[in-house]
Amino acid sequence: MKKSKKIFKINNSAKKVIDLLDNVNTVGDVINKIAINYGISLKEARIKCNRLFTELLNNDIVGIANSTGSIPRLDPTFGRST
């Protein structure tokens, strides 16, 4: 079976978020840094990051490894305020 290659065009803001996904920063760290760097609220940063992370995960560009090494899907409630 041959996997097809996909090419995605991203803007500079998305690239900055992806650059923060470095196995050092947590998702919370990324959201905090985006809020500070762009002068937006944590809620707005969470919403924007959630959209980007969901798109990256759904297109198999990134994954989230847990302690067992498996990559679960993002919880659909991630980023929603309670």
PDB file of N, CA and C in Angstrom:
ATOM      1  N   MET A   1       0.838  -1.167   0.000  1.00  0.00           N
ATOM      2  CA  MET A   1       0.000   0.000   0.000  1.00  0.00           C
ATOM      3  C   MET A   1       0.889   1.237   0.000  1.00  0.00           C
ATOM      4  N   LYS A   2       0.599   2.171  -0.880  1.00  0.00           N
ATOM      5  CA  LYS A   2       1.395   3.380  -1.001  1.00  0.00           C
ATOM      6  C   LYS A   2       0.622   4.557  -0.422  1.00  0.00           C
ATOM      7  N   LYS A   3       1.265   5.285   0.494  1.00  0.00           N
ATOM      8  CA  LYS A   3       0.631   6.466   1.063  1.00  0.00           C
ATOM      9  C   LYS A   3       0.776   7.622   0.096  1.00  0.00           C
ATOM     10  N   SER A   4      -0.292   8.397  -0.026  1.00  0.00           N
ATOM     11  CA  SER A   4      -0.192   9.588  -0.865  1.00  0.00           C
ATOM     12  C   SER A   4       0.417  10.717  -0.049  1.00  0.00           C
ATOM     13  N   LYS A   5       1.134  11.562  -0.718  1.00  0.00           N
ATOM     14  CA  LYS A   5       1.756  12.703  -0.051  1.00  0.00           C
ATOM     15  C   LYS A   5       0.821  13.890  -0.151  1.00  0.00           C
ATOM     16  N   LYS A   6       0.713  14.619   0.958  1.00  0.00           N
ATOM     17  CA  LYS A   6      -0.102  15.819   0.974  1.00  0.00           C
ATOM     18  C   LYS A   6       0.812  17.003   1.222  1.00  0.00           C
ATOM     19  N   ILE A   7       0.503  18.087   0.577  1.00  0.00           N
ATOM     20  CA  ILE A   7       1.242  19.321   0.808  1.00  0.00           C
ATOM     21  C   ILE A   7       0.268  20.325   1.413  1.00  0.00           C
ATOM     22  N   PHE A   8       0.684  20.916   2.533  1.00  0.00           N
ATOM     23  CA  PHE A   8      -0.145  21.890   3.211  1.00  0.00           C
ATOM     24  C   PHE A   8       0.578  23.223   3.256  1.00  0.00           C
ATOM     25  N   LYS A   9      -0.137  24.269   2.949  1.00  0.00           N
ATOM     26  CA  LYS A   9       0.421  25.609   3.042  1.00  0.00           C
ATOM     27  C   LYS A   9      -0.076  26.213   4.352  1.00  0.00           C
ATOM     28  N   ILE A  10       0.855  26.739   5.148  1.00  0.00           N
ATOM     29  CA  ILE A  10       0.476  27.340   6.418  1.00  0.00           C
ATOM     30  C   ILE A  10       0.980  28.778   6.483  1.00  0.00           C
ATOM     31  N   ASN A  11       0.330  29.575   7.319  1.00  0.00           N
ATOM     32  CA  ASN A  11       0.778  30.956   7.477  1.00  0.00           C
ATOM     33  C   ASN A  11       1.838  31.036   8.574  1.00  0.00           C
ATOM     34  N   ASN A  12       2.424  32.208   8.742  1.00  0.00           N
ATOM     35  CA  ASN A  12       3.499  32.388   9.721  1.00  0.00           C
ATOM     36  C   ASN A  12       3.042  32.120  11.147  1.00  0.00           C
ATOM     37  N   SER A  13       1.812  32.486  11.460  1.00  0.00           N
ATOM     38  CA  SER A  13       1.296  32.246  12.816  1.00  0.00           C
ATOM     39  C   SER A  13       1.231  30.753  13.112  1.00  0.00           C
ATOM     40  N   ALA A  14       0.742  29.986  12.159  1.00  0.00           N
ATOM     41  CA  ALA A  14       0.666  28.534  12.348  1.00  0.00           C
ATOM     42  C   ALA A  14       2.062  27.950  12.478  1.00  0.00           C
ATOM     43  N   LYS A  15       3.009  28.458  11.690  1.00  0.00           N
ATOM     44  CA  LYS A  15       4.382  27.965  11.783  1.00  0.00           C
ATOM     45  C   LYS A  15       4.965  28.215  13.168  1.00  0.00           C
ATOM     46  N   LYS A  16       4.679  29.389  13.747  1.00  0.00           N
ATOM     47  CA  LYS A  16       5.185  29.691  15.084  1.00  0.00           C
ATOM     48  C   LYS A  16       4.628  28.717  16.114  1.00  0.00           C
ATOM     49  N   VAL A  17       3.351  28.358  15.976  1.00  0.00           N
ATOM     50  CA  VAL A  17       2.761  27.385  16.893  1.00  0.00           C
ATOM     51  C   VAL A  17       3.408  26.025  16.699  1.00  0.00           C
ATOM     52  N   ILE A  18       3.572  25.600  15.462  1.00  0.00           N
ATOM     53  CA  ILE A  18       4.184  24.297  15.175  1.00  0.00           C
ATOM     54  C   ILE A  18       5.602  24.247  15.711  1.00  0.00           C
ATOM     55  N   ASP A  19       6.324  25.349  15.584  1.00  0.00           N
ATOM     56  CA  ASP A  19       7.695  25.401  16.107  1.00  0.00           C
ATOM     57  C   ASP A  19       7.735  25.179  17.618  1.00  0.00           C
ATOM     58  N   LEU A  20       6.660  25.544  18.308  1.00  0.00           N
ATOM     59  CA  LEU A  20       6.601  25.362  19.763  1.00  0.00           C
ATOM     60  C   LEU A  20       6.297  23.914  20.153  1.00  0.00           C
ATOM     61  N   LEU A  21       5.860  23.099  19.201  1.00  0.00           N
ATOM     62  CA  LEU A  21       5.558  21.689  19.470  1.00  0.00           C
ATOM     63  C   LEU A  21       6.868  20.901  19.386  1.00  0.00           C
ATOM     64  N   ASP A  22       7.657  20.980  20.451  1.00  0.00           N
ATOM     65  CA  ASP A  22       9.034  20.508  20.399  1.00  0.00           C
ATOM     66  C   ASP A  22       9.392  19.452  21.445  1.00  0.00           C
ATOM     67  N   ASN A  23       8.418  18.793  22.004  1.00  0.00           N
ATOM     68  CA  ASN A  23       8.632  17.796  23.065  1.00  0.00           C
ATOM     69  C   ASN A  23       9.123  18.420  24.364  1.00  0.00           C
ATOM     70  N   VAL A  24       9.201  19.741  24.439  1.00  0.00           N
ATOM     71  CA  VAL A  24       9.571  20.429  25.671  1.00  0.00           C
ATOM     72  C   VAL A  24       8.369  21.198  26.198  1.00  0.00           C
ATOM     73  N   ASN A  25       7.717  21.930  25.314  1.00  0.00           N
ATOM     74  CA  ASN A  25       6.541  22.706  25.693  1.00  0.00           C
ATOM     75  C   ASN A  25       5.316  21.815  25.797  1.00  0.00           C
ATOM     76  N   THR A  26       4.515  22.043  26.824  1.00  0.00           N
ATOM     77  CA  THR A  26       3.221  21.371  26.910  1.00  0.00           C
ATOM     78  C   THR A  26       2.224  22.160  26.064  1.00  0.00           C
ATOM     79  N   VAL A  27       1.047  21.592  25.843  1.00  0.00           N
ATOM     80  CA  VAL A  27       0.006  22.320  25.116  1.00  0.00           C
ATOM     81  C   VAL A  27      -0.316  23.610  25.858  1.00  0.00           C
ATOM     82  N   GLY A  28      -0.366  23.551  27.191  1.00  0.00           N
ATOM     83  CA  GLY A  28      -0.613  24.751  27.987  1.00  0.00           C
ATOM     84  C   GLY A  28       0.471  25.793  27.796  1.00  0.00           C
ATOM     85  N   ASP A  29       1.729  25.359  27.713  1.00  0.00           N
ATOM     86  CA  ASP A  29       2.836  26.286  27.456  1.00  0.00           C
ATOM     87  C   ASP A  29       2.642  26.993  26.117  1.00  0.00           C
ATOM     88  N   VAL A  30       2.284  26.217  25.104  1.00  0.00           N
ATOM     89  CA  VAL A  30       2.087  26.779  23.767  1.00  0.00           C
ATOM     90  C   VAL A  30       0.978  27.826  23.801  1.00  0.00           C
ATOM     91  N   ILE A  31      -0.140  27.484  24.426  1.00  0.00           N
ATOM     92  CA  ILE A  31      -1.276  28.417  24.502  1.00  0.00           C
ATOM     93  C   ILE A  31      -0.870  29.689  25.240  1.00  0.00           C
ATOM     94  N   ASN A  32      -0.167  29.553  26.357  1.00  0.00           N
ATOM     95  CA  ASN A  32       0.282  30.733  27.114  1.00  0.00           C
ATOM     96  C   ASN A  32       1.211  31.605  26.273  1.00  0.00           C
ATOM     97  N   LYS A  33       2.145  30.989  25.567  1.00  0.00           N
ATOM     98  CA  LYS A  33       3.091  31.752  24.749  1.00  0.00           C
ATOM     99  C   LYS A  33       2.389  32.465  23.600  1.00  0.00           C
ATOM    100  N   ILE A  34       1.419  31.807  22.990  1.00  0.00           N
ATOM    101  CA  ILE A  34       0.670  32.436  21.897  1.00  0.00           C
ATOM    102  C   ILE A  34      -0.125  33.621  22.426  1.00  0.00           C
ATOM    103  N   ALA A  35      -0.758  33.467  23.575  1.00  0.00           N
ATOM    104  CA  ALA A  35      -1.528  34.569  24.171  1.00  0.00           C
ATOM    105  C   ALA A  35      -0.627  35.770  24.435  1.00  0.00           C
ATOM    106  N   ILE A  36       0.535  35.511  24.999  1.00  0.00           N
ATOM    107  CA  ILE A  36       1.472  36.594  25.314  1.00  0.00           C
ATOM    108  C   ILE A  36       2.029  37.226  24.041  1.00  0.00           C
ATOM    109  N   ASN A  37       2.495  36.395  23.107  1.00  0.00           N
ATOM    110  CA  ASN A  37       3.129  36.905  21.885  1.00  0.00           C
ATOM    111  C   ASN A  37       2.183  37.720  21.007  1.00  0.00           C
ATOM    112  N   TYR A  38       0.905  37.347  21.008  1.00  0.00           N
ATOM    113  CA  TYR A  38      -0.057  38.036  20.144  1.00  0.00           C
ATOM    114  C   TYR A  38      -0.969  38.988  20.916  1.00  0.00           C
ATOM    115  N   GLY A  39      -0.775  39.091  22.224  1.00  0.00           N
ATOM    116  CA  GLY A  39      -1.576  40.012  23.028  1.00  0.00           C
ATOM    117  C   GLY A  39      -3.056  39.681  23.016  1.00  0.00           C
ATOM    118  N   ILE A  40      -3.366  38.380  23.081  1.00  0.00           N
ATOM    119  CA  ILE A  40      -4.763  37.948  23.095  1.00  0.00           C
ATOM    120  C   ILE A  40      -5.038  37.215  24.397  1.00  0.00           C
ATOM    121  N   SER A  41      -6.308  37.015  24.692  1.00  0.00           N
ATOM    122  CA  SER A  41      -6.679  36.322  25.922  1.00  0.00           C
ATOM    123  C   SER A  41      -6.318  34.842  25.831  1.00  0.00           C
ATOM    124  N   LEU A  42      -6.200  34.226  26.999  1.00  0.00           N
ATOM    125  CA  LEU A  42      -5.943  32.778  27.026  1.00  0.00           C
ATOM    126  C   LEU A  42      -7.067  32.021  26.331  1.00  0.00           C
ATOM    127  N   LYS A  43      -8.298  32.472  26.521  1.00  0.00           N
ATOM    128  CA  LYS A  43      -9.442  31.801  25.895  1.00  0.00           C
ATOM    129  C   LYS A  43      -9.328  31.854  24.372  1.00  0.00           C
ATOM    130  N   GLU A  44      -8.995  33.034  23.837  1.00  0.00           N
ATOM    131  CA  GLU A  44      -8.858  33.165  22.389  1.00  0.00           C
ATOM    132  C   GLU A  44      -7.687  32.335  21.878  1.00  0.00           C
ATOM    133  N   ALA A  45      -6.574  32.357  22.605  1.00  0.00           N
ATOM    134  CA  ALA A  45      -5.409  31.550  22.211  1.00  0.00           C
ATOM    135  C   ALA A  45      -5.755  30.066  22.230  1.00  0.00           C
ATOM    136  N   ARG A  46      -6.509  29.632  23.249  1.00  0.00           N
ATOM    137  CA  ARG A  46      -6.913  28.227  23.352  1.00  0.00           C
ATOM    138  C   ARG A  46      -7.779  27.824  22.163  1.00  0.00           C
ATOM    139  N   ILE A  47      -8.713  28.691  21.784  1.00  0.00           N
ATOM    140  CA  ILE A  47      -9.608  28.401  20.659  1.00  0.00           C
ATOM    141  C   ILE A  47      -8.811  28.300  19.359  1.00  0.00           C
ATOM    142  N   LYS A  48      -7.911  29.265  19.136  1.00  0.00           N
ATOM    143  CA  LYS A  48      -7.126  29.264  17.899  1.00  0.00           C
ATOM    144  C   LYS A  48      -6.183  28.062  17.833  1.00  0.00           C
ATOM    145  N   CYS A  49      -5.534  27.759  18.949  1.00  0.00           N
ATOM    146  CA  CYS A  49      -4.634  26.598  18.977  1.00  0.00           C
ATOM    147  C   CYS A  49      -5.411  25.307  18.801  1.00  0.00           C
ATOM    148  N   ASN A  50      -6.583  25.225  19.423  1.00  0.00           N
ATOM    149  CA  ASN A  50      -7.410  24.029  19.284  1.00  0.00           C
ATOM    150  C   ASN A  50      -7.747  23.782  17.816  1.00  0.00           C
ATOM    151  N   ARG A  51      -8.121  24.829  17.099  1.00  0.00           N
ATOM    152  CA  ARG A  51      -8.437  24.678  15.667  1.00  0.00           C
ATOM    153  C   ARG A  51      -7.225  24.169  14.894  1.00  0.00           C
ATOM    154  N   LEU A  52      -6.074  24.772  15.156  1.00  0.00           N
ATOM    155  CA  LEU A  52      -4.862  24.362  14.448  1.00  0.00           C
ATOM    156  C   LEU A  52      -4.454  22.943  14.817  1.00  0.00           C
ATOM    157  N   PHE A  53      -4.439  22.618  16.121  1.00  0.00           N
ATOM    158  CA  PHE A  53      -4.055  21.276  16.564  1.00  0.00           C
ATOM    159  C   PHE A  53      -4.988  20.226  15.969  1.00  0.00           C
ATOM    160  N   THR A  54      -6.284  20.512  15.966  1.00  0.00           N
ATOM    161  CA  THR A  54      -7.260  19.566  15.422  1.00  0.00           C
ATOM    162  C   THR A  54      -6.985  19.321  13.942  1.00  0.00           C
ATOM    163  N   GLU A  55      -6.712  20.389  13.200  1.00  0.00           N
ATOM    164  CA  GLU A  55      -6.412  20.254  11.777  1.00  0.00           C
ATOM    165  C   GLU A  55      -5.133  19.440  11.557  1.00  0.00           C
ATOM    166  N   LEU A  56      -4.111  19.716  12.358  1.00  0.00           N
ATOM    167  CA  LEU A  56      -2.850  18.983  12.241  1.00  0.00           C
ATOM    168  C   LEU A  56      -3.037  17.506  12.582  1.00  0.00           C
ATOM    169  N   LEU A  57      -3.794  17.235  13.629  1.00  0.00           N
ATOM    170  CA  LEU A  57      -4.045  15.846  14.034  1.00  0.00           C
ATOM    171  C   LEU A  57      -4.896  15.108  13.008  1.00  0.00           C
ATOM    172  N   ASN A  58      -5.953  15.757  12.543  1.00  0.00           N
ATOM    173  CA  ASN A  58      -6.852  15.108  11.591  1.00  0.00           C
ATOM    174  C   ASN A  58      -6.180  14.791  10.263  1.00  0.00           C
ATOM    175  N   ASN A  59      -5.147  15.546   9.937  1.00  0.00           N
ATOM    176  CA  ASN A  59      -4.420  15.313   8.687  1.00  0.00           C
ATOM    177  C   ASN A  59      -3.140  14.521   8.906  1.00  0.00           C
ATOM    178  N   ASP A  60      -3.004  13.948  10.106  1.00  0.00           N
ATOM    179  CA  ASP A  60      -1.846  13.112  10.451  1.00  0.00           C
ATOM    180  C   ASP A  60      -0.513  13.832  10.253  1.00  0.00           C
ATOM    181  N   ILE A  61      -0.501  15.134  10.527  1.00  0.00           N
ATOM    182  CA  ILE A  61       0.737  15.904  10.446  1.00  0.00           C
ATOM    183  C   ILE A  61       1.478  15.814  11.767  1.00  0.00           C
ATOM    184  N   VAL A  62       0.747  15.804  12.861  1.00  0.00           N
ATOM    185  CA  VAL A  62       1.314  15.623  14.193  1.00  0.00           C
ATOM    186  C   VAL A  62       0.494  14.584  14.931  1.00  0.00           C
ATOM    187  N   GLY A  63       1.057  14.055  16.000  1.00  0.00           N
ATOM    188  CA  GLY A  63       0.351  13.126  16.862  1.00  0.00           C
ATOM    189  C   GLY A  63       0.689  13.440  18.303  1.00  0.00           C
ATOM    190  N   ILE A  64      -0.081  12.870  19.190  1.00  0.00           N
ATOM    191  CA  ILE A  64       0.160  13.064  20.613  1.00  0.00           C
ATOM    192  C   ILE A  64       0.516  11.707  21.195  1.00  0.00           C
ATOM    193  N   ALA A  65       1.749  11.577  21.631  1.00  0.00           N
ATOM    194  CA  ALA A  65       2.189  10.312  22.210  1.00  0.00           C
ATOM    195  C   ALA A  65       1.916  10.312  23.702  1.00  0.00           C
ATOM    196  N   ASN A  66       1.434   9.191  24.205  1.00  0.00           N
ATOM    197  CA  ASN A  66       1.261   9.061  25.649  1.00  0.00           C
ATOM    198  C   ASN A  66       2.401   8.213  26.206  1.00  0.00           C
ATOM    199  N   SER A  67       2.312   7.879  27.458  1.00  0.00           N
ATOM    200  CA  SER A  67       3.419   7.164  28.103  1.00  0.00           C
ATOM    201  C   SER A  67       3.679   5.793  27.492  1.00  0.00           C
ATOM    202  N   THR A  68       2.704   5.216  26.801  1.00  0.00           N
ATOM    203  CA  THR A  68       2.910   3.908  26.187  1.00  0.00           C
ATOM    204  C   THR A  68       3.431   4.031  24.752  1.00  0.00           C
ATOM    205  N   GLY A  69       3.525   5.264  24.269  1.00  0.00           N
ATOM    206  CA  GLY A  69       4.015   5.468  22.916  1.00  0.00           C
ATOM    207  C   GLY A  69       2.928   5.465  21.865  1.00  0.00           C
ATOM    208  N   SER A  70       1.686   5.124  22.242  1.00  0.00           N
ATOM    209  CA  SER A  70       0.608   5.171  21.260  1.00  0.00           C
ATOM    210  C   SER A  70       0.141   6.612  21.092  1.00  0.00           C
ATOM    211  N   ILE A  71      -0.502   6.884  19.981  1.00  0.00           N
ATOM    212  CA  ILE A  71      -0.920   8.249  19.670  1.00  0.00           C
ATOM    213  C   ILE A  71      -2.440   8.319  19.636  1.00  0.00           C
ATOM    214  N   PRO A  72      -3.051   8.799  20.740  1.00  0.00           N
ATOM    215  CA  PRO A  72      -4.512   8.907  20.774  1.00  0.00           C
ATOM    216  C   PRO A  72      -4.988  10.140  20.016  1.00  0.00           C
ATOM    217  N   ARG A  73      -6.236  10.161  19.633  1.00  0.00           N
ATOM    218  CA  ARG A  73      -6.844  11.328  18.994  1.00  0.00           C
ATOM    219  C   ARG A  73      -7.130  12.389  20.051  1.00  0.00           C
ATOM    220  N   LEU A  74      -7.164  13.648  19.617  1.00  0.00           N
ATOM    221  CA  LEU A  74      -7.458  14.762  20.512  1.00  0.00           C
ATOM    222  C   LEU A  74      -8.887  14.656  21.009  1.00  0.00           C
ATOM    223  N   ASP A  75      -9.084  14.896  22.277  1.00  0.00           N
ATOM    224  CA  ASP A  75     -10.416  14.920  22.868  1.00  0.00           C
ATOM    225  C   ASP A  75     -11.219  16.027  22.192  1.00  0.00           C
ATOM    226  N   PRO A  76     -12.422  15.729  21.657  1.00  0.00           N
ATOM    227  CA  PRO A  76     -13.194  16.755  20.954  1.00  0.00           C
ATOM    228  C   PRO A  76     -13.607  17.924  21.838  1.00  0.00           C
ATOM    229  N   THR A  77     -13.523  17.769  23.149  1.00  0.00           N
ATOM    230  CA  THR A  77     -13.888  18.872  24.045  1.00  0.00           C
ATOM    231  C   THR A  77     -12.695  19.753  24.359  1.00  0.00           C
ATOM    232  N   PHE A  78     -11.497  19.419  23.858  1.00  0.00           N
ATOM    233  CA  PHE A  78     -10.297  20.194  24.121  1.00  0.00           C
ATOM    234  C   PHE A  78     -10.506  21.641  23.705  1.00  0.00           C
ATOM    235  N   GLY A  79     -10.145  22.560  24.585  1.00  0.00           N
ATOM    236  CA  GLY A  79     -10.215  23.978  24.261  1.00  0.00           C
ATOM    237  C   GLY A  79     -11.543  24.627  24.486  1.00  0.00           C
ATOM    238  N   ARG A  80     -12.555  23.857  24.847  1.00  0.00           N
ATOM    239  CA  ARG A  80     -13.875  24.444  25.089  1.00  0.00           C
ATOM    240  C   ARG A  80     -13.940  24.924  26.521  1.00  0.00           C
ATOM    241  N   SER A  81     -14.539  26.085  26.689  1.00  0.00           N
ATOM    242  CA  SER A  81     -14.680  26.594  28.059  1.00  0.00           C
ATOM    243  C   SER A  81     -15.856  25.893  28.733  1.00  0.00           C
ATOM    244  N   THR A  82     -15.745  25.744  30.040  1.00  0.00           N
ATOM    245  CA  THR A  82     -16.799  25.030  30.776  1.00  0.00           C
ATOM    246  C   THR A  82     -17.713  25.986  31.483  1.00  0.00           C
TER     247      THR A  82
END
